[in-house]
Amino acid sequence: TNIKTFIETNKREVLIIELTMNEGSSSDLRKALRHSGLLDHVYHPADQYIIEEWPTLQQLIDDDTRILLFGSGDGMESCP
């Protein structure tokens, strides 16, 4: 099963994905998420890096933003 199939089949599941970002990989990640159709399911905080209050799991499910991406590394200038 791939991520898209999983997220579309399991409507009440939230995925947490941790990534190691290298120089230039953020644009590759963004392109891959758009191409796969997953970008619409990724949670985007209102502020780029500061999240004062996280949504509840139910809010993520209701908003269908059930993929949380966490990245670290040299290529963190602007992830999706």
Protein backbone atom coordinates (compact mmCIF):
# COMPACT_ATOMS: atom_id res chain seq x y z
CA THR A 1 0.00 0.00 0.00
CA ASN A 2 1.29 3.46 -0.80
CA ILE A 3 0.62 6.62 1.23
CA LYS A 4 -2.07 7.97 -1.11
CA THR A 5 -4.03 4.72 -1.03
CA PHE A 6 -3.69 4.55 2.75
CA ILE A 7 -4.83 8.14 3.35
CA GLU A 8 -7.80 7.78 0.97
CA THR A 9 -8.88 4.42 2.40
CA ASN A 10 -8.44 5.25 6.09
CA LYS A 11 -10.37 8.51 6.47
CA ARG A 12 -9.92 8.68 10.25
CA GLU A 13 -6.16 8.08 10.36
CA VAL A 14 -3.50 10.77 10.77
CA LEU A 15 0.01 10.15 9.44
CA ILE A 16 3.12 11.64 10.98
CA ILE A 17 6.13 11.57 8.67
CA GLU A 18 9.62 12.63 9.68
CA LEU A 19 11.97 13.67 6.88
CA THR A 20 15.64 14.51 6.63
CA MET A 21 15.92 17.48 4.30
CA ASN A 22 19.03 18.14 2.23
CA GLU A 23 19.91 21.24 0.27
CA GLY A 24 17.37 21.64 -2.52
CA SER A 25 15.16 18.77 -1.39
CA SER A 26 12.25 20.98 -0.27
CA SER A 27 11.32 21.84 -3.87
CA ASP A 28 11.61 18.15 -4.82
CA LEU A 29 9.36 17.23 -1.90
CA ARG A 30 6.79 19.87 -2.86
CA LYS A 31 6.76 18.64 -6.47
CA ALA A 32 6.35 15.03 -5.36
CA LEU A 33 3.50 15.92 -3.00
CA ARG A 34 1.71 17.88 -5.74
CA HIS A 35 2.26 15.15 -8.35
CA SER A 36 0.99 12.43 -6.01
CA GLY A 37 -2.09 14.40 -4.95
CA LEU A 38 -1.01 14.34 -1.31
CA LEU A 39 -0.36 18.07 -0.89
CA ASP A 40 -4.08 18.71 -0.23
CA HIS A 41 -3.88 16.32 2.75
CA VAL A 42 -0.82 17.96 4.36
CA TYR A 43 -1.40 20.18 7.40
CA HIS A 44 -0.13 23.73 6.84
CA PRO A 45 0.17 25.92 9.95
CA ALA A 46 -0.92 29.55 9.67
CA ASP A 47 2.60 30.69 10.59
CA GLN A 48 5.46 28.98 8.82
CA TYR A 49 7.47 27.78 11.82
CA ILE A 50 5.68 28.87 14.98
CA ILE A 51 2.62 26.91 16.03
CA GLU A 52 1.09 28.40 19.15
CA GLU A 53 -1.81 25.96 19.25
CA TRP A 54 -1.90 22.65 17.44
CA PRO A 55 -5.19 21.41 16.00
CA THR A 56 -6.73 18.38 17.63
CA LEU A 57 -6.67 15.06 15.82
CA GLN A 58 -10.40 15.52 15.19
CA GLN A 59 -9.78 18.92 13.56
CA LEU A 60 -7.13 17.38 11.31
CA ILE A 61 -9.57 14.63 10.35
CA ASP A 62 -12.46 17.06 9.79
CA ASP A 63 -10.25 19.33 7.63
CA ASP A 64 -8.75 16.34 5.79
CA THR A 65 -5.27 17.61 6.57
CA ARG A 66 -4.21 14.28 8.01
CA ILE A 67 -0.54 14.25 7.02
CA LEU A 68 1.87 15.96 9.39
CA LEU A 69 5.36 16.47 7.98
CA PHE A 70 8.30 17.11 10.28
CA GLY A 71 11.68 17.80 8.75
CA SER A 72 15.19 18.48 9.89
CA GLY A 73 18.44 19.15 8.14
CA ASP A 74 20.12 21.66 5.87
CA GLY A 75 17.26 22.05 3.39
CA MET A 76 14.61 23.44 5.74
CA GLU A 77 14.24 26.87 4.14
CA SER A 78 10.60 26.34 3.14
CA CYS A 79 8.97 22.95 3.24
CA PRO A 80 5.50 22.48 1.73
